C-alpha atoms as a PDB file:
ATOM      1  CA  UNK A   1      -2.197  16.992  10.373  1.00  0.00           C
ATOM      2  CA  UNK A   2       0.023  14.160   9.399  1.00  0.00           C
ATOM      3  CA  UNK A   3       1.966  13.960  12.519  1.00  0.00           C
ATOM      4  CA  UNK A   4      -1.026  12.853  14.430  1.00  0.00           C
ATOM      5  CA  UNK A   5      -1.606   9.616  12.380  1.00  0.00           C
ATOM      6  CA  UNK A   6      -0.222   6.409  14.004  1.00  0.00           C
ATOM      7  CA  UNK A   7      -0.272   3.220  12.318  1.00  0.00           C
ATOM      8  CA  UNK A   8       1.110  -0.285  12.812  1.00  0.00           C
ATOM      9  CA  UNK A   9       4.770  -0.704  11.792  1.00  0.00           C
ATOM     10  CA  UNK A  10       6.167  -3.704  10.049  1.00  0.00           C
ATOM     11  CA  UNK A  11       9.683  -5.080  10.339  1.00  0.00           C
ATOM     12  CA  UNK A  12      12.458  -2.806   8.786  1.00  0.00           C
ATOM     13  CA  UNK A  13      13.954  -5.926   6.672  1.00  0.00           C
ATOM     14  CA  UNK A  14      10.403  -6.340   5.198  1.00  0.00           C
ATOM     15  CA  UNK A  15      10.877  -3.242   2.973  1.00  0.00           C
ATOM     16  CA  UNK A  16      14.424  -3.440   2.975  1.00  0.00           C
ATOM     17  CA  UNK A  17      15.018  -0.093   4.268  1.00  0.00           C
ATOM     18  CA  UNK A  18      18.379   1.384   5.591  1.00  0.00           C
ATOM     19  CA  UNK A  19      18.705   0.903   9.346  1.00  0.00           C
ATOM     20  CA  UNK A  20      19.497   3.824  11.275  1.00  0.00           C
ATOM     21  CA  UNK A  21      21.960   4.162  14.233  1.00  0.00           C
ATOM     22  CA  UNK A  22      22.652   6.125  17.265  1.00  0.00           C
ATOM     23  CA  UNK A  23      24.436   8.637  15.130  1.00  0.00           C
ATOM     24  CA  UNK A  24      21.029  10.012  14.321  1.00  0.00           C
ATOM     25  CA  UNK A  25      20.027  10.828  17.818  1.00  0.00           C
ATOM     26  CA  UNK A  26      18.975  14.362  17.007  1.00  0.00           C
ATOM     27  CA  UNK A  27      16.858  13.134  14.188  1.00  0.00           C
ATOM     28  CA  UNK A  28      15.102  10.689  16.314  1.00  0.00           C
ATOM     29  CA  UNK A  29      14.684  13.390  19.087  1.00  0.00           C
ATOM     30  CA  UNK A  30      13.377  16.037  16.335  1.00  0.00           C
ATOM     31  CA  UNK A  31      10.546  13.501  15.507  1.00  0.00           C
ATOM     32  CA  UNK A  32       9.773  12.647  18.939  1.00  0.00           C
ATOM     33  CA  UNK A  33       8.996  16.501  19.325  1.00  0.00           C
ATOM     34  CA  UNK A  34       6.598  16.071  16.901  1.00  0.00           C
ATOM     35  CA  UNK A  35       4.562  13.221  18.112  1.00  0.00           C
ATOM     36  CA  UNK A  36       6.024  10.718  21.102  1.00  0.00           C
ATOM     37  CA  UNK A  37       3.881   8.047  19.119  1.00  0.00           C
ATOM     38  CA  UNK A  38       5.959   8.343  15.973  1.00  0.00           C
ATOM     39  CA  UNK A  39       8.938   6.030  15.292  1.00  0.00           C
ATOM     40  CA  UNK A  40      11.653   6.715  12.957  1.00  0.00           C
ATOM     41  CA  UNK A  41      11.789   3.624  10.348  1.00  0.00           C
ATOM     42  CA  UNK A  42      14.947   4.545   8.626  1.00  0.00           C
ATOM     43  CA  UNK A  43      17.635   7.301   7.867  1.00  0.00           C
ATOM     44  CA  UNK A  44      19.550   7.713   4.914  1.00  0.00           C
ATOM     45  CA  UNK A  45      21.534  10.312   3.125  1.00  0.00           C
ATOM     46  CA  UNK A  46      20.241  12.380   0.290  1.00  0.00           C
ATOM     47  CA  UNK A  47      22.207  14.105  -2.562  1.00  0.00           C
ATOM     48  CA  UNK A  48      22.006  17.376  -0.715  1.00  0.00           C
ATOM     49  CA  UNK A  49      24.669  18.145   1.412  1.00  0.00           C
ATOM     50  CA  UNK A  50      23.663  17.828   5.267  1.00  0.00           C
ATOM     51  CA  UNK A  51      20.277  16.783   4.500  1.00  0.00           C
ATOM     52  CA  UNK A  52      18.770  13.117   5.581  1.00  0.00           C
ATOM     53  CA  UNK A  53      15.952  11.134   4.404  1.00  0.00           C
ATOM     54  CA  UNK A  54      13.836  10.215   7.493  1.00  0.00           C
ATOM     55  CA  UNK A  55      10.937   7.621   6.783  1.00  0.00           C
ATOM     56  CA  UNK A  56       8.513   7.730   9.807  1.00  0.00           C
ATOM     57  CA  UNK A  57       6.126   5.154  10.897  1.00  0.00           C
ATOM     58  CA  UNK A  58       3.155   6.792   8.901  1.00  0.00           C
ATOM     59  CA  UNK A  59       5.119   5.836   5.556  1.00  0.00           C
ATOM     60  CA  UNK A  60       5.810   9.548   5.062  1.00  0.00           C
ATOM     61  CA  UNK A  61       9.213  10.971   4.534  1.00  0.00           C
ATOM     62  CA  UNK A  62      10.775  14.091   6.028  1.00  0.00           C
ATOM     63  CA  UNK A  63      14.004  15.855   5.081  1.00  0.00           C
ATOM     64  CA  UNK A  64      15.925  16.968   8.000  1.00  0.00           C
ATOM     65  CA  UNK A  65      18.982  18.976   8.765  1.00  0.00           C
ATOM     66  CA  UNK A  66      21.824  17.236  10.492  1.00  0.00           C
ATOM     67  CA  UNK A  67      21.093  18.755  13.887  1.00  0.00           C
ATOM     68  CA  UNK A  68      17.238  17.813  13.353  1.00  0.00           C
ATOM     69  CA  UNK A  69      15.914  21.427  13.962  1.00  0.00           C
ATOM     70  CA  UNK A  70      14.733  21.965  10.640  1.00  0.00           C
ATOM     71  CA  UNK A  71      12.836  19.737   8.100  1.00  0.00           C
ATOM     72  CA  UNK A  72      10.742  19.704   4.930  1.00  0.00           C
ATOM     73  CA  UNK A  73       7.696  17.648   3.866  1.00  0.00           C
ATOM     74  CA  UNK A  74       7.383  16.867   0.252  1.00  0.00           C
ATOM     75  CA  UNK A  75       9.261  15.762  -2.866  1.00  0.00           C
ATOM     76  CA  UNK A  76      13.069  15.936  -3.723  1.00  0.00           C
ATOM     77  CA  UNK A  77      13.730  16.456  -7.391  1.00  0.00           C
ATOM     78  CA  UNK A  78      17.001  15.925  -9.291  1.00  0.00           C
ATOM     79  CA  UNK A  79      17.397  18.786 -12.002  1.00  0.00           C
ATOM     80  CA  UNK A  80      20.590  18.272 -13.646  1.00  0.00           C
ATOM     81  CA  UNK A  81      21.778  20.036 -16.696  1.00  0.00           C
ATOM     82  CA  UNK A  82      20.978  18.437 -19.663  1.00  0.00           C
ATOM     83  CA  UNK A  83      18.806  15.628 -18.152  1.00  0.00           C
ATOM     84  CA  UNK A  84      15.377  14.794 -17.137  1.00  0.00           C
ATOM     85  CA  UNK A  85      13.549  16.007 -14.220  1.00  0.00           C
ATOM     86  CA  UNK A  86      13.490  13.380 -11.727  1.00  0.00           C
ATOM     87  CA  UNK A  87      11.141  12.944  -8.722  1.00  0.00           C
ATOM     88  CA  UNK A  88      13.663  11.205  -6.276  1.00  0.00           C
ATOM     89  CA  UNK A  89      11.113  10.778  -3.696  1.00  0.00           C
ATOM     90  CA  UNK A  90       8.907   8.905  -5.594  1.00  0.00           C
ATOM     91  CA  UNK A  91      11.747   7.157  -7.320  1.00  0.00           C
ATOM     92  CA  UNK A  92      12.440   5.627  -3.430  1.00  0.00           C
ATOM     93  CA  UNK A  93       8.801   4.924  -2.705  1.00  0.00           C
ATOM     94  CA  UNK A  94       8.496   3.054  -5.756  1.00  0.00           C
ATOM     95  CA  UNK A  95      11.383   0.875  -4.616  1.00  0.00           C
ATOM     96  CA  UNK A  96       9.826   0.234  -1.358  1.00  0.00           C
ATOM     97  CA  UNK A  97       6.779  -0.630  -2.606  1.00  0.00           C
ATOM     98  CA  UNK A  98       8.280  -2.995  -4.979  1.00  0.00           C
ATOM     99  CA  UNK A  99      10.085  -4.566  -2.051  1.00  0.00           C
ATOM    100  CA  UNK A 100       7.025  -4.500   0.020  1.00  0.00           C
ATOM    101  CA  UNK A 101       5.026  -6.595  -2.452  1.00  0.00           C
ATOM    102  CA  UNK A 102       7.653  -9.139  -2.257  1.00  0.00           C
ATOM    103  CA  UNK A 103       7.134  -9.738   1.114  1.00  0.00           C
ATOM    104  CA  UNK A 104       5.584 -12.754   2.933  1.00  0.00           C
ATOM    105  CA  UNK A 105       2.346 -10.595   3.879  1.00  0.00           C
ATOM    106  CA  UNK A 106       1.930  -9.564   0.088  1.00  0.00           C
ATOM    107  CA  UNK A 107       2.454 -13.053  -1.067  1.00  0.00           C
ATOM    108  CA  UNK A 108      -0.867 -14.059   0.766  1.00  0.00           C
ATOM    109  CA  UNK A 109      -3.495 -12.863  -1.713  1.00  0.00           C
ATOM    110  CA  UNK A 110      -6.845 -13.260  -3.178  1.00  0.00           C
ATOM    111  CA  UNK A 111      -5.869 -14.155  -6.643  1.00  0.00           C
ATOM    112  CA  UNK A 112      -8.550 -13.716  -9.462  1.00  0.00           C
ATOM    113  CA  UNK A 113      -6.514 -15.513 -12.428  1.00  0.00           C
ATOM    114  CA  UNK A 114      -6.182 -14.382 -15.963  1.00  0.00           C
ATOM    115  CA  UNK A 115      -7.998 -16.279 -18.585  1.00  0.00           C
ATOM    116  CA  UNK A 116      -5.436 -18.104 -20.817  1.00  0.00           C
ATOM    117  CA  UNK A 117      -2.140 -16.403 -20.935  1.00  0.00           C
ATOM    118  CA  UNK A 118      -1.229 -14.298 -17.982  1.00  0.00           C
ATOM    119  CA  UNK A 119      -0.287 -10.676 -19.913  1.00  0.00           C
ATOM    120  CA  UNK A 120       0.065  -8.532 -16.691  1.00  0.00           C
ATOM    121  CA  UNK A 121      -0.620  -8.911 -13.050  1.00  0.00           C
ATOM    122  CA  UNK A 122      -1.735  -6.001 -10.668  1.00  0.00           C
ATOM    123  CA  UNK A 123      -1.775  -5.927  -6.676  1.00  0.00           C
ATOM    124  CA  UNK A 124      -4.738  -3.905  -5.519  1.00  0.00           C
ATOM    125  CA  UNK A 125      -5.401  -2.877  -1.975  1.00  0.00           C
ATOM    126  CA  UNK A 126      -9.204  -3.001  -1.699  1.00  0.00           C
ATOM    127  CA  UNK A 127     -12.328  -2.662   0.990  1.00  0.00           C
ATOM    128  CA  UNK A 128     -15.422  -4.302   0.693  1.00  0.00           C
ATOM    129  CA  UNK A 129     -17.270  -1.221   1.753  1.00  0.00           C
ATOM    130  CA  UNK A 130     -15.397   1.334  -1.011  1.00  0.00           C
ATOM    131  CA  UNK A 131     -17.768   2.111  -4.073  1.00  0.00           C
ATOM    132  CA  UNK A 132     -14.845   2.330  -6.542  1.00  0.00           C
ATOM    133  CA  UNK A 133     -13.558  -1.035  -5.023  1.00  0.00           C
ATOM    134  CA  UNK A 134     -16.819  -2.440  -5.999  1.00  0.00           C
ATOM    135  CA  UNK A 135     -17.056  -0.758  -9.284  1.00  0.00           C
ATOM    136  CA  UNK A 136     -13.542  -2.357 -10.252  1.00  0.00           C
ATOM    137  CA  UNK A 137     -14.626  -5.748  -9.004  1.00  0.00           C
ATOM    138  CA  UNK A 138     -17.732  -5.615 -11.135  1.00  0.00           C
ATOM    139  CA  UNK A 139     -15.061  -5.460 -14.343  1.00  0.00           C
ATOM    140  CA  UNK A 140     -13.160  -8.652 -13.004  1.00  0.00           C
ATOM    141  CA  UNK A 141     -14.534 -10.901 -15.764  1.00  0.00           C
ATOM    142  CA  UNK A 142     -13.224  -8.176 -18.299  1.00  0.00           C
ATOM    143  CA  UNK A 143      -9.886  -8.154 -16.580  1.00  0.00           C
ATOM    144  CA  UNK A 144      -9.363 -11.688 -16.604  1.00  0.00           C
ATOM    145  CA  UNK A 145     -10.419 -11.954 -19.958  1.00  0.00           C
ATOM    146  CA  UNK A 146      -7.891  -9.508 -21.261  1.00  0.00           C
ATOM    147  CA  UNK A 147      -5.237 -11.520 -19.553  1.00  0.00           C
ATOM    148  CA  UNK A 148      -4.902  -9.483 -16.398  1.00  0.00           C
ATOM    149  CA  UNK A 149      -4.309 -11.357 -13.148  1.00  0.00           C
ATOM    150  CA  UNK A 150      -5.681  -9.345  -9.911  1.00  0.00           C
ATOM    151  CA  UNK A 151      -4.300 -10.078  -6.781  1.00  0.00           C
ATOM    152  CA  UNK A 152      -6.090  -8.416  -3.863  1.00  0.00           C
ATOM    153  CA  UNK A 153      -4.719  -7.345  -0.637  1.00  0.00           C
ATOM    154  CA  UNK A 154      -6.830  -6.044   2.180  1.00  0.00           C
ATOM    155  CA  UNK A 155      -7.238  -2.564   3.414  1.00  0.00           C
ATOM    156  CA  UNK A 156     -10.077  -2.010   5.842  1.00  0.00           C
ATOM    157  CA  UNK A 157     -10.220   1.714   5.683  1.00  0.00           C
ATOM    158  CA  UNK A 158     -12.249   1.858   9.098  1.00  0.00           C
ATOM    159  CA  UNK A 159      -9.251   0.148  10.781  1.00  0.00           C
ATOM    160  CA  UNK A 160      -8.309  -2.935  12.674  1.00  0.00           C
ATOM    161  CA  UNK A 161     -11.209  -4.272  14.560  1.00  0.00           C
ATOM    162  CA  UNK A 162     -14.035  -2.581  12.305  1.00  0.00           C
ATOM    163  CA  UNK A 163     -16.621  -4.503  10.560  1.00  0.00           C
ATOM    164  CA  UNK A 164     -15.016  -4.221   7.055  1.00  0.00           C
ATOM    165  CA  UNK A 165     -11.916  -5.783   8.792  1.00  0.00           C
ATOM    166  CA  UNK A 166     -14.301  -8.855   9.982  1.00  0.00           C
ATOM    167  CA  UNK A 167     -15.813  -9.346   6.496  1.00  0.00           C
ATOM    168  CA  UNK A 168     -12.328  -9.354   4.817  1.00  0.00           C
ATOM    169  CA  UNK A 169     -11.249 -11.689   7.546  1.00  0.00           C
ATOM    170  CA  UNK A 170     -14.224 -13.804   6.833  1.00  0.00           C
ATOM    171  CA  UNK A 171     -13.655 -13.889   3.072  1.00  0.00           C
ATOM    172  CA  UNK A 172     -10.143 -15.298   3.702  1.00  0.00           C
ATOM    173  CA  UNK A 173     -11.503 -18.107   5.977  1.00  0.00           C
ATOM    174  CA  UNK A 174     -14.445 -19.046   3.561  1.00  0.00           C
ATOM    175  CA  UNK A 175     -14.668 -22.289   1.619  1.00  0.00           C
ATOM    176  CA  UNK A 176     -14.238 -20.528  -1.445  1.00  0.00           C
ATOM    177  CA  UNK A 177     -12.279 -17.119  -0.372  1.00  0.00           C
ATOM    178  CA  UNK A 178     -13.052 -15.506  -4.071  1.00  0.00           C
ATOM    179  CA  UNK A 179     -16.370 -16.302  -4.208  1.00  0.00           C
ATOM    180  CA  UNK A 180     -17.022 -15.022  -0.701  1.00  0.00           C
ATOM    181  CA  UNK A 181     -15.207 -11.929  -1.214  1.00  0.00           C
ATOM    182  CA  UNK A 182     -17.200 -11.177  -4.756  1.00  0.00           C
ATOM    183  CA  UNK A 183     -20.524 -11.732  -2.637  1.00  0.00           C
ATOM    184  CA  UNK A 184     -19.330  -9.487   0.010  1.00  0.00           C
ATOM    185  CA  UNK A 185     -18.824  -6.718  -1.964  1.00  0.00           C
ATOM    186  CA  UNK A 186     -21.810  -7.006  -3.896  1.00  0.00           C
ATOM    187  CA  UNK A 187     -23.954  -7.228  -0.713  1.00  0.00           C
ATOM    188  CA  UNK A 188     -22.042  -4.086   0.579  1.00  0.00           C
ATOM    189  CA  UNK A 189     -22.985  -2.305  -2.584  1.00  0.00           C
ATOM    190  CA  UNK A 190     -26.720  -3.133  -2.259  1.00  0.00           C
ATOM    191  CA  UNK A 191     -26.534  -2.433   1.190  1.00  0.00           C
ATOM    192  CA  UNK A 192     -27.735  -5.773   2.525  1.00  0.00           C
ATOM    193  CA  UNK A 193     -26.381  -7.257   5.513  1.00  0.00           C
ATOM    194  CA  UNK A 194     -23.153  -9.165   5.564  1.00  0.00           C
ATOM    195  CA  UNK A 195     -22.859 -13.015   5.068  1.00  0.00           C
ATOM    196  CA  UNK A 196     -22.424 -15.296   8.050  1.00  0.00           C
ATOM    197  CA  UNK A 197     -19.039 -15.802   9.272  1.00  0.00           C
ATOM    198  CA  UNK A 198     -17.345 -19.080   8.488  1.00  0.00           C
ATOM    199  CA  UNK A 199     -15.082 -20.580  11.275  1.00  0.00           C
ATOM    200  CA  UNK A 200     -12.299 -18.129  12.171  1.00  0.00           C
ATOM    201  CA  UNK A 201      -8.950 -18.934  10.821  1.00  0.00           C
ATOM    202  CA  UNK A 202      -5.419 -17.161  10.686  1.00  0.00           C
ATOM    203  CA  UNK A 203      -5.563 -14.451   8.010  1.00  0.00           C
ATOM    204  CA  UNK A 204      -3.222 -11.950   6.727  1.00  0.00           C
ATOM    205  CA  UNK A 205      -5.769  -8.906   7.083  1.00  0.00           C
ATOM    206  CA  UNK A 206      -3.722  -7.250   9.726  1.00  0.00           C
ATOM    207  CA  UNK A 207      -0.532  -7.651   7.892  1.00  0.00           C
ATOM    208  CA  UNK A 208      -1.808  -6.235   4.705  1.00  0.00           C
ATOM    209  CA  UNK A 209      -3.053  -3.231   6.680  1.00  0.00           C
ATOM    210  CA  UNK A 210       0.167  -2.697   8.264  1.00  0.00           C
ATOM    211  CA  UNK A 211       1.725  -3.195   4.890  1.00  0.00           C
ATOM    212  CA  UNK A 212      -0.462  -0.497   3.069  1.00  0.00           C
ATOM    213  CA  UNK A 213       0.250   2.058   6.410  1.00  0.00           C
ATOM    214  CA  UNK A 214       3.875   1.556   5.758  1.00  0.00           C
ATOM    215  CA  UNK A 215       3.486   2.536   2.264  1.00  0.00           C
ATOM    216  CA  UNK A 216       1.741   5.579   3.060  1.00  0.00           C
ATOM    217  CA  UNK A 217      -1.532   4.446   1.319  1.00  0.00           C
ATOM    218  CA  UNK A 218      -4.476   6.613   1.993  1.00  0.00           C
ATOM    219  CA  UNK A 219      -7.239   5.344  -0.382  1.00  0.00           C
ATOM    220  CA  UNK A 220      -8.885   2.331  -2.035  1.00  0.00           C
ATOM    221  CA  UNK A 221      -8.465   0.914  -4.593  1.00  0.00           C
ATOM    222  CA  UNK A 222      -4.788   1.331  -4.653  1.00  0.00           C
ATOM    223  CA  UNK A 223      -3.324  -0.538  -7.816  1.00  0.00           C
ATOM    224  CA  UNK A 224       0.376  -1.292  -7.722  1.00  0.00           C
ATOM    225  CA  UNK A 225       2.428  -2.803 -10.323  1.00  0.00           C
ATOM    226  CA  UNK A 226       5.628  -5.469  -9.779  1.00  0.00           C
ATOM    227  CA  UNK A 227       7.753  -2.385 -10.580  1.00  0.00           C
ATOM    228  CA  UNK A 228       6.225  -0.487  -7.330  1.00  0.00           C
ATOM    229  CA  UNK A 229       4.624   2.014  -9.353  1.00  0.00           C
ATOM    230  CA  UNK A 230       1.111   3.360  -7.605  1.00  0.00           C
ATOM    231  CA  UNK A 231      -2.139   4.002  -9.630  1.00  0.00           C
ATOM    232  CA  UNK A 232      -4.300   5.425  -6.938  1.00  0.00           C
ATOM    233  CA  UNK A 233      -8.400   5.067  -7.574  1.00  0.00           C
ATOM    234  CA  UNK A 234     -10.382   3.171 -10.060  1.00  0.00           C
ATOM    235  CA  UNK A 235      -9.575   2.644 -13.550  1.00  0.00           C
ATOM    236  CA  UNK A 236     -11.985   0.776 -16.075  1.00  0.00           C
ATOM    237  CA  UNK A 237     -10.659  -2.626 -17.659  1.00  0.00           C
ATOM    238  CA  UNK A 238     -10.006  -1.095 -20.954  1.00  0.00           C
ATOM    239  CA  UNK A 239      -8.037   1.750 -19.402  1.00  0.00           C
ATOM    240  CA  UNK A 240      -6.204  -0.596 -17.273  1.00  0.00           C
ATOM    241  CA  UNK A 241      -5.186  -2.853 -20.073  1.00  0.00           C
ATOM    242  CA  UNK A 242      -4.079   0.133 -22.119  1.00  0.00           C
ATOM    243  CA  UNK A 243      -1.626   1.492 -19.339  1.00  0.00           C
ATOM    244  CA  UNK A 244      -0.447  -1.865 -19.008  1.00  0.00           C
ATOM    245  CA  UNK A 245       0.483  -2.036 -22.786  1.00  0.00           C
ATOM    246  CA  UNK A 246      -2.208  -4.877 -23.440  1.00  0.00           C
ATOM    247  CA  UNK A 247      -3.839  -4.655 -27.127  1.00  0.00           C
END
């Protein structure tokens, strides 16, 4: 059940979320009844009368009645006469992801630069032990040759303090972070022991992980565009280029 997931919380200002006030005590109390560990991150009005959008600390969205006694989990759509069907929930999430990718934490990334002109830039939440993360990384030369810059953010799926967390922290602290990360993914793919750890340093792995959880990401690789659009899972280099509009 989604209520049992508790993740690290980043500041409200980081994602530019609407700050809730004491007027929403009923909504906060309702969330607390679900799980005392859950936190309300923001409350905002929706186009539906007497229905509020409540974002909780798992990154998920609840749509709650004013008294907090009823709620829905899912997507809210706008279906105007003569207009296109619009997924308002995804529009909101996309805006939040775009803001999140402008945060200080997201600016600290492993950057694999495009060769020549940078035609597009993607941010990818990655793990060293994820098969499809390894597969995507094997196409890095092709991606860069196509003019695609890849910015990696850490998402140790086993959680903070795990062995994958340590490898990602080591990669950040290495003399050549990109080369270390490349070798670490290859060694994990080949089921070899981890590389020796360099001297420890301040690293953004925990902040990246908190950001991924605030965005509600559940898997890797998770590809995020500057617009906030999310492409979950592996895509080969030529398909990525096609989607990005690169000839």
